[in-house]
Amino acid sequence: MSIDINCIAVIGKQNNPLYIKNYSSSHPDLKYHYIAHTAIDVIEERVLNNPKLTDAYLGLLYAMEDLAVYGFMTNTRVKIILVIAVTDNVIKDADIKAIFTKVHSAYVSHVCNPFHNLDQDFVASKRFSNAVDHIGQQNSRATIDV
């Protein structure tokens, strides 16, 4: 399955952007900051309306122009947002979940580092950045290997 990833964002439990990476050359970084913040509103609304939500995967949050926005929320209320380009191909939830699982694993590895500062406003780890870049570039216009 070919998925064109435009952006991967990690949003903290206080709704502060921890990490936003743009993989698109057609849209500016500011657009993805806007998309991430509007996705937070949709995520908060879904969580409020369904307090017994057990699955971390929130599915398609909304579509905007030529982009589809998917969401994932961890037990610690950290949100992962995936923005993909809308194409004629069918995108399976299993493929999106696999990407979220990989990003979540990279984030967990980052947070479990004993030298990680919990009060940090953003993720400054090169290892985390490289892991997310690998996920984004591996899945952007390529075949997903699960």
N, C-alpha and C. Protein backbone atom coordinates (compact mmCIF):
# COMPACT_ATOMS: atom_id res chain seq x y z
N MET A 1 0.85 -1.18 0.00
CA MET A 1 0.00 0.00 0.00
C MET A 1 0.89 1.23 0.00
N SER A 2 0.55 2.16 -0.82
CA SER A 2 1.32 3.40 -0.92
C SER A 2 0.61 4.51 -0.14
N ILE A 3 1.31 5.07 0.82
CA ILE A 3 0.77 6.16 1.62
C ILE A 3 1.73 7.33 1.51
N ASP A 4 1.21 8.47 1.13
CA ASP A 4 2.04 9.67 1.00
C ASP A 4 1.92 10.49 2.29
N ILE A 5 2.87 10.29 3.20
CA ILE A 5 2.86 11.00 4.48
C ILE A 5 3.36 12.42 4.27
N ASN A 6 2.56 13.38 4.68
CA ASN A 6 2.96 14.79 4.59
C ASN A 6 3.51 15.32 5.90
N CYS A 7 3.01 14.79 7.02
CA CYS A 7 3.43 15.31 8.31
C CYS A 7 3.18 14.28 9.41
N ILE A 8 4.10 14.25 10.37
CA ILE A 8 3.93 13.49 11.61
C ILE A 8 4.12 14.48 12.75
N ALA A 9 3.13 14.52 13.65
CA ALA A 9 3.21 15.44 14.78
C ALA A 9 2.98 14.69 16.08
N VAL A 10 3.73 15.08 17.11
CA VAL A 10 3.54 14.55 18.46
C VAL A 10 3.18 15.74 19.33
N ILE A 11 2.02 15.64 19.98
CA ILE A 11 1.49 16.73 20.79
C ILE A 11 1.45 16.28 22.25
N GLY A 12 1.94 17.10 23.15
CA GLY A 12 2.01 16.76 24.57
C GLY A 12 0.65 16.74 25.24
N LYS A 13 0.63 16.27 26.48
CA LYS A 13 -0.64 16.16 27.21
C LYS A 13 -1.24 17.52 27.54
N GLN A 14 -0.44 18.57 27.52
CA GLN A 14 -0.94 19.93 27.72
C GLN A 14 -1.25 20.61 26.39
N ASN A 15 -1.34 19.82 25.33
CA ASN A 15 -1.63 20.28 23.96
C ASN A 15 -0.54 21.19 23.39
N ASN A 16 0.68 20.98 23.86
CA ASN A 16 1.81 21.72 23.31
C ASN A 16 2.51 20.84 22.27
N PRO A 17 2.91 21.42 21.15
CA PRO A 17 3.59 20.61 20.13
C PRO A 17 4.97 20.18 20.61
N LEU A 18 5.19 18.88 20.68
CA LEU A 18 6.49 18.35 21.08
C LEU A 18 7.38 18.12 19.86
N TYR A 19 6.76 17.74 18.75
CA TYR A 19 7.52 17.43 17.54
C TYR A 19 6.58 17.51 16.34
N ILE A 20 6.96 18.28 15.34
CA ILE A 20 6.19 18.35 14.10
C ILE A 20 7.19 18.29 12.95
N LYS A 21 7.01 17.29 12.09
CA LYS A 21 7.93 17.11 10.96
C LYS A 21 7.14 17.13 9.66
N ASN A 22 7.53 18.02 8.76
CA ASN A 22 6.90 18.19 7.46
C ASN A 22 7.67 17.39 6.42
N TYR A 23 6.98 16.50 5.70
CA TYR A 23 7.60 15.73 4.62
C TYR A 23 7.14 16.20 3.26
N SER A 24 6.40 17.28 3.21
CA SER A 24 5.85 17.80 1.97
C SER A 24 6.61 19.04 1.53
N SER A 25 6.79 19.16 0.25
CA SER A 25 7.41 20.38 -0.27
C SER A 25 6.34 21.33 -0.81
N SER A 26 5.10 20.85 -0.87
CA SER A 26 4.03 21.68 -1.44
C SER A 26 3.31 22.54 -0.42
N HIS A 27 3.47 22.25 0.88
CA HIS A 27 2.80 23.03 1.92
C HIS A 27 3.84 23.53 2.91
N PRO A 28 3.67 24.75 3.43
CA PRO A 28 4.62 25.28 4.42
C PRO A 28 4.42 24.62 5.79
N ASP A 29 5.45 24.72 6.62
CA ASP A 29 5.39 24.14 7.97
C ASP A 29 4.24 24.71 8.79
N LEU A 30 3.95 25.99 8.62
CA LEU A 30 2.90 26.64 9.40
C LEU A 30 1.54 25.97 9.18
N LYS A 31 1.30 25.49 7.97
CA LYS A 31 0.03 24.83 7.69
C LYS A 31 -0.12 23.57 8.56
N TYR A 32 0.96 22.85 8.76
CA TYR A 32 0.88 21.63 9.56
C TYR A 32 0.76 21.93 11.05
N HIS A 33 1.27 23.05 11.49
CA HIS A 33 1.03 23.47 12.87
C HIS A 33 -0.46 23.76 13.05
N TYR A 34 -1.06 24.43 12.09
CA TYR A 34 -2.50 24.71 12.13
C TYR A 34 -3.30 23.41 12.12
N ILE A 35 -2.94 22.49 11.24
CA ILE A 35 -3.65 21.21 11.15
C ILE A 35 -3.54 20.44 12.47
N ALA A 36 -2.35 20.44 13.06
CA ALA A 36 -2.15 19.73 14.33
C ALA A 36 -3.02 20.32 15.43
N HIS A 37 -3.10 21.63 15.49
CA HIS A 37 -3.91 22.27 16.54
C HIS A 37 -5.40 22.07 16.31
N THR A 38 -5.85 22.05 15.07
CA THR A 38 -7.27 21.77 14.83
C THR A 38 -7.57 20.30 15.11
N ALA A 39 -6.61 19.43 14.87
CA ALA A 39 -6.81 18.01 15.18
C ALA A 39 -6.95 17.79 16.68
N ILE A 40 -6.26 18.60 17.47
CA ILE A 40 -6.37 18.50 18.93
C ILE A 40 -7.82 18.71 19.36
N ASP A 41 -8.48 19.70 18.76
CA ASP A 41 -9.88 19.97 19.09
C ASP A 41 -10.76 18.76 18.77
N VAL A 42 -10.53 18.13 17.63
CA VAL A 42 -11.32 16.96 17.24
C VAL A 42 -11.05 15.80 18.19
N ILE A 43 -9.79 15.61 18.56
CA ILE A 43 -9.43 14.53 19.49
C ILE A 43 -10.09 14.76 20.84
N GLU A 44 -10.00 15.98 21.36
CA GLU A 44 -10.62 16.28 22.65
C GLU A 44 -12.13 16.06 22.61
N GLU A 45 -12.76 16.42 21.52
CA GLU A 45 -14.20 16.22 21.38
C GLU A 45 -14.55 14.73 21.37
N ARG A 46 -13.77 13.93 20.65
CA ARG A 46 -14.02 12.49 20.60
C ARG A 46 -13.83 11.85 21.97
N VAL A 47 -12.81 12.26 22.68
CA VAL A 47 -12.55 11.69 24.00
C VAL A 47 -13.63 12.10 24.99
N LEU A 48 -14.09 13.34 24.90
CA LEU A 48 -15.14 13.82 25.79
C LEU A 48 -16.46 13.09 25.53
N ASN A 49 -16.78 12.85 24.25
CA ASN A 49 -18.04 12.20 23.90
C ASN A 49 -18.02 10.69 24.14
N ASN A 50 -16.83 10.11 24.26
CA ASN A 50 -16.71 8.68 24.47
C ASN A 50 -15.70 8.41 25.58
N PRO A 51 -16.10 8.60 26.84
CA PRO A 51 -15.14 8.47 27.95
C PRO A 51 -14.61 7.06 28.14
N LYS A 52 -15.29 6.05 27.62
CA LYS A 52 -14.84 4.67 27.77
C LYS A 52 -14.04 4.20 26.55
N LEU A 53 -13.44 5.14 25.88
CA LEU A 53 -12.63 4.83 24.70
C LEU A 53 -11.44 3.98 25.11
N THR A 54 -11.32 2.79 24.53
CA THR A 54 -10.23 1.88 24.91
C THR A 54 -9.14 1.79 23.86
N ASP A 55 -9.47 2.07 22.62
CA ASP A 55 -8.48 1.97 21.54
C ASP A 55 -7.75 3.30 21.41
N ALA A 56 -6.44 3.25 21.38
CA ALA A 56 -5.64 4.47 21.24
C ALA A 56 -5.79 5.07 19.85
N TYR A 57 -6.09 4.24 18.86
CA TYR A 57 -6.25 4.71 17.49
C TYR A 57 -7.61 5.39 17.36
N LEU A 58 -7.61 6.63 16.93
CA LEU A 58 -8.85 7.40 16.83
C LEU A 58 -9.40 7.45 15.42
N GLY A 59 -8.65 6.95 14.45
CA GLY A 59 -9.13 6.90 13.08
C GLY A 59 -8.99 8.24 12.37
N LEU A 60 -9.76 8.37 11.31
CA LEU A 60 -9.76 9.60 10.52
C LEU A 60 -10.42 10.70 11.34
N LEU A 61 -9.69 11.77 11.58
CA LEU A 61 -10.24 12.89 12.34
C LEU A 61 -11.02 13.82 11.44
N TYR A 62 -10.41 14.19 10.33
CA TYR A 62 -11.08 15.02 9.34
C TYR A 62 -10.26 15.07 8.06
N ALA A 63 -10.91 15.52 7.00
CA ALA A 63 -10.22 15.71 5.72
C ALA A 63 -10.28 17.20 5.40
N MET A 64 -9.18 17.70 4.85
CA MET A 64 -9.09 19.13 4.54
C MET A 64 -8.37 19.27 3.21
N GLU A 65 -9.04 19.86 2.25
CA GLU A 65 -8.49 20.04 0.90
C GLU A 65 -8.02 18.69 0.36
N ASP A 66 -6.74 18.52 0.16
CA ASP A 66 -6.20 17.27 -0.38
C ASP A 66 -5.49 16.45 0.69
N LEU A 67 -5.82 16.69 1.96
CA LEU A 67 -5.15 16.03 3.07
C LEU A 67 -6.16 15.31 3.97
N ALA A 68 -5.73 14.19 4.53
CA ALA A 68 -6.52 13.46 5.52
C ALA A 68 -5.72 13.43 6.81
N VAL A 69 -6.40 13.67 7.93
CA VAL A 69 -5.74 13.77 9.23
C VAL A 69 -6.23 12.62 10.12
N TYR A 70 -5.27 11.82 10.61
CA TYR A 70 -5.56 10.69 11.47
C TYR A 70 -4.99 10.95 12.86
N GLY A 71 -5.61 10.35 13.88
CA GLY A 71 -5.17 10.60 15.24
C GLY A 71 -4.97 9.35 16.07
N PHE A 72 -4.14 9.50 17.08
CA PHE A 72 -3.78 8.42 18.01
C PHE A 72 -3.50 9.08 19.35
N MET A 73 -4.05 8.55 20.44
CA MET A 73 -3.79 9.13 21.75
C MET A 73 -3.33 8.05 22.71
N THR A 74 -2.21 8.30 23.36
CA THR A 74 -1.64 7.33 24.30
C THR A 74 -2.38 7.40 25.63
N ASN A 75 -2.04 6.47 26.52
CA ASN A 75 -2.64 6.46 27.86
C ASN A 75 -2.26 7.70 28.66
N THR A 76 -1.13 8.29 28.34
CA THR A 76 -0.67 9.50 29.04
C THR A 76 -1.15 10.77 28.36
N ARG A 77 -2.10 10.65 27.45
CA ARG A 77 -2.74 11.76 26.74
C ARG A 77 -1.79 12.48 25.78
N VAL A 78 -0.72 11.84 25.39
CA VAL A 78 0.13 12.37 24.32
C VAL A 78 -0.54 11.98 23.02
N LYS A 79 -0.64 12.93 22.11
CA LYS A 79 -1.35 12.71 20.87
C LYS A 79 -0.35 12.62 19.71
N ILE A 80 -0.58 11.67 18.82
CA ILE A 80 0.21 11.54 17.61
C ILE A 80 -0.74 11.79 16.45
N ILE A 81 -0.33 12.69 15.57
CA ILE A 81 -1.18 13.07 14.44
C ILE A 81 -0.42 12.77 13.16
N LEU A 82 -1.12 12.16 12.23
CA LEU A 82 -0.56 11.78 10.95
C LEU A 82 -1.36 12.47 9.86
N VAL A 83 -0.68 13.22 9.00
CA VAL A 83 -1.34 13.90 7.89
C VAL A 83 -0.85 13.24 6.61
N ILE A 84 -1.80 12.74 5.82
CA ILE A 84 -1.43 12.09 4.57
C ILE A 84 -2.14 12.76 3.41
N ALA A 85 -1.54 12.65 2.23
CA ALA A 85 -2.15 13.19 1.02
C ALA A 85 -3.25 12.24 0.56
N VAL A 86 -4.38 12.80 0.19
CA VAL A 86 -5.50 12.00 -0.29
C VAL A 86 -5.22 11.62 -1.74
N THR A 87 -5.28 10.32 -2.01
CA THR A 87 -5.09 9.82 -3.37
C THR A 87 -6.27 8.93 -3.72
N ASP A 88 -6.21 8.35 -4.90
CA ASP A 88 -7.27 7.44 -5.33
C ASP A 88 -7.16 6.07 -4.69
N ASN A 89 -6.02 5.78 -4.07
CA ASN A 89 -5.81 4.49 -3.43
C ASN A 89 -6.62 4.38 -2.15
N VAL A 90 -7.04 3.17 -1.86
CA VAL A 90 -7.75 2.90 -0.60
C VAL A 90 -6.70 2.76 0.50
N ILE A 91 -6.92 3.46 1.59
CA ILE A 91 -6.00 3.41 2.72
C ILE A 91 -6.65 2.59 3.82
N LYS A 92 -5.97 1.53 4.22
CA LYS A 92 -6.51 0.63 5.24
C LYS A 92 -6.13 1.13 6.63
N ASP A 93 -7.06 0.96 7.56
CA ASP A 93 -6.78 1.34 8.95
C ASP A 93 -5.60 0.57 9.52
N ALA A 94 -5.43 -0.66 9.10
CA ALA A 94 -4.31 -1.48 9.60
C ALA A 94 -2.97 -0.85 9.22
N ASP A 95 -2.89 -0.27 8.02
CA ASP A 95 -1.64 0.38 7.59
C ASP A 95 -1.37 1.64 8.41
N ILE A 96 -2.41 2.41 8.67
CA ILE A 96 -2.26 3.63 9.47
C ILE A 96 -1.90 3.26 10.91
N LYS A 97 -2.56 2.24 11.46
CA LYS A 97 -2.25 1.78 12.82
C LYS A 97 -0.80 1.34 12.94
N ALA A 98 -0.29 0.68 11.89
CA ALA A 98 1.10 0.21 11.91
C ALA A 98 2.06 1.39 11.99
N ILE A 99 1.75 2.46 11.27
CA ILE A 99 2.60 3.66 11.31
C ILE A 99 2.53 4.29 12.70
N PHE A 100 1.32 4.41 13.25
CA PHE A 100 1.18 4.97 14.59
C PHE A 100 1.93 4.14 15.63
N THR A 101 1.88 2.83 15.50
CA THR A 101 2.58 1.95 16.44
C THR A 101 4.08 2.19 16.38
N LYS A 102 4.61 2.37 15.18
CA LYS A 102 6.05 2.62 15.03
C LYS A 102 6.44 3.97 15.65
N VAL A 103 5.64 5.00 15.40
CA VAL A 103 5.94 6.32 15.98
C VAL A 103 5.81 6.27 17.50
N HIS A 104 4.77 5.60 17.99
CA HIS A 104 4.58 5.48 19.43
C HIS A 104 5.75 4.74 20.07
N SER A 105 6.23 3.69 19.44
CA SER A 105 7.38 2.94 19.96
C SER A 105 8.62 3.83 20.03
N ALA A 106 8.82 4.65 19.00
CA ALA A 106 9.96 5.57 19.00
C ALA A 106 9.82 6.58 20.13
N TYR A 107 8.60 7.07 20.37
CA TYR A 107 8.37 8.03 21.45
C TYR A 107 8.60 7.38 22.82
N VAL A 108 8.12 6.17 22.99
CA VAL A 108 8.32 5.46 24.26
C VAL A 108 9.80 5.25 24.51
N SER A 109 10.54 4.88 23.48
CA SER A 109 12.00 4.71 23.63
C SER A 109 12.65 6.02 24.05
N HIS A 110 12.17 7.12 23.48
CA HIS A 110 12.71 8.44 23.83
C HIS A 110 12.42 8.79 25.29
N VAL A 111 11.19 8.59 25.70
CA VAL A 111 10.78 8.96 27.06
C VAL A 111 11.44 8.06 28.11
N CYS A 112 11.70 6.82 27.76
CA CYS A 112 12.32 5.88 28.70
C CYS A 112 13.82 6.10 28.86
N ASN A 113 14.38 7.01 28.11
CA ASN A 113 15.79 7.34 28.26
C ASN A 113 15.99 7.97 29.64
N PRO A 114 16.90 7.45 30.45
CA PRO A 114 17.07 8.00 31.80
C PRO A 114 17.57 9.45 31.81
N PHE A 115 18.11 9.92 30.71
CA PHE A 115 18.59 11.29 30.64
C PHE A 115 17.56 12.25 30.05
N HIS A 116 16.38 11.74 29.76
CA HIS A 116 15.31 12.56 29.19
C HIS A 116 14.77 13.52 30.25
N ASN A 117 14.62 14.78 29.88
CA ASN A 117 14.08 15.80 30.77
C ASN A 117 12.57 15.86 30.57
N LEU A 118 11.80 15.49 31.57
CA LEU A 118 10.34 15.46 31.44
C LEU A 118 9.73 16.84 31.30
N ASP A 119 10.43 17.88 31.72
CA ASP A 119 9.91 19.24 31.64
C ASP A 119 10.25 19.92 30.32
N GLN A 120 10.83 19.19 29.40
CA GLN A 120 11.24 19.76 28.12
C GLN A 120 10.01 20.14 27.29
N ASP A 121 10.08 21.29 26.63
CA ASP A 121 8.96 21.79 25.83
C ASP A 121 8.84 21.10 24.48
N PHE A 122 9.90 20.49 24.00
CA PHE A 122 9.87 19.84 22.70
C PHE A 122 10.84 18.66 22.71
N VAL A 123 10.68 17.78 21.74
CA VAL A 123 11.57 16.63 21.63
C VAL A 123 12.81 17.06 20.86
N ALA A 124 13.95 17.04 21.52
CA ALA A 124 15.20 17.48 20.90
C ALA A 124 16.15 16.32 20.64
N SER A 125 15.66 15.11 20.75
CA SER A 125 16.50 13.93 20.59
C SER A 125 16.75 13.63 19.12
N LYS A 126 18.01 13.53 18.75
CA LYS A 126 18.36 13.18 17.37
C LYS A 126 17.93 11.75 17.06
N ARG A 127 18.02 10.88 18.06
CA ARG A 127 17.62 9.49 17.85
C ARG A 127 16.13 9.39 17.53
N PHE A 128 15.30 10.12 18.29
CA PHE A 128 13.86 10.13 18.03
C PHE A 128 13.58 10.74 16.66
N SER A 129 14.22 11.85 16.37
CA SER A 129 14.03 12.52 15.09
C SER A 129 14.42 11.61 13.92
N ASN A 130 15.53 10.91 14.06
CA ASN A 130 15.95 9.98 13.00
C ASN A 130 14.98 8.82 12.85
N ALA A 131 14.45 8.32 13.97
CA ALA A 131 13.49 7.22 13.92
C ALA A 131 12.21 7.65 13.21
N VAL A 132 11.71 8.84 13.55
CA VAL A 132 10.48 9.34 12.91
C VAL A 132 10.74 9.66 11.44
N ASP A 133 11.90 10.23 11.14
CA ASP A 133 12.26 10.48 9.74
C ASP A 133 12.28 9.18 8.94
N HIS A 134 12.83 8.15 9.53
CA HIS A 134 12.88 6.85 8.86
C HIS A 134 11.47 6.34 8.59
N ILE A 135 10.59 6.46 9.58
CA ILE A 135 9.21 6.02 9.42
C ILE A 135 8.52 6.84 8.33
N GLY A 136 8.68 8.16 8.39
CA GLY A 136 8.03 9.04 7.42
C GLY A 136 8.53 8.84 6.01
N GLN A 137 9.83 8.70 5.85
CA GLN A 137 10.40 8.53 4.52
C GLN A 137 10.18 7.11 4.00
N GLN A 138 10.18 6.14 4.88
CA GLN A 138 9.96 4.75 4.49
C GLN A 138 8.55 4.56 3.96
N ASN A 139 7.59 5.23 4.58
CA ASN A 139 6.19 5.04 4.22
C ASN A 139 5.69 6.07 3.23
N SER A 140 6.41 7.14 3.03
CA SER A 140 5.98 8.17 2.11
C SER A 140 6.27 7.73 0.68
N ARG A 141 5.20 7.49 -0.05
CA ARG A 141 5.28 7.03 -1.44
C ARG A 141 6.10 5.76 -1.58
N ALA A 142 5.95 4.88 -0.62
CA ALA A 142 6.66 3.61 -0.65
C ALA A 142 5.74 2.51 -0.13
N THR A 143 6.23 1.33 -0.15
CA THR A 143 5.46 0.20 0.34
C THR A 143 5.71 0.03 1.83
N ILE A 144 4.66 -0.19 2.56
CA ILE A 144 4.78 -0.37 4.01
C ILE A 144 5.20 -1.80 4.29
N ASP A 145 6.22 -1.96 5.11
CA ASP A 145 6.59 -3.31 5.55
C ASP A 145 6.22 -3.44 7.02
N VAL A 146 5.26 -4.25 7.28
CA VAL A 146 4.77 -4.41 8.65
C VAL A 146 5.31 -5.69 9.23
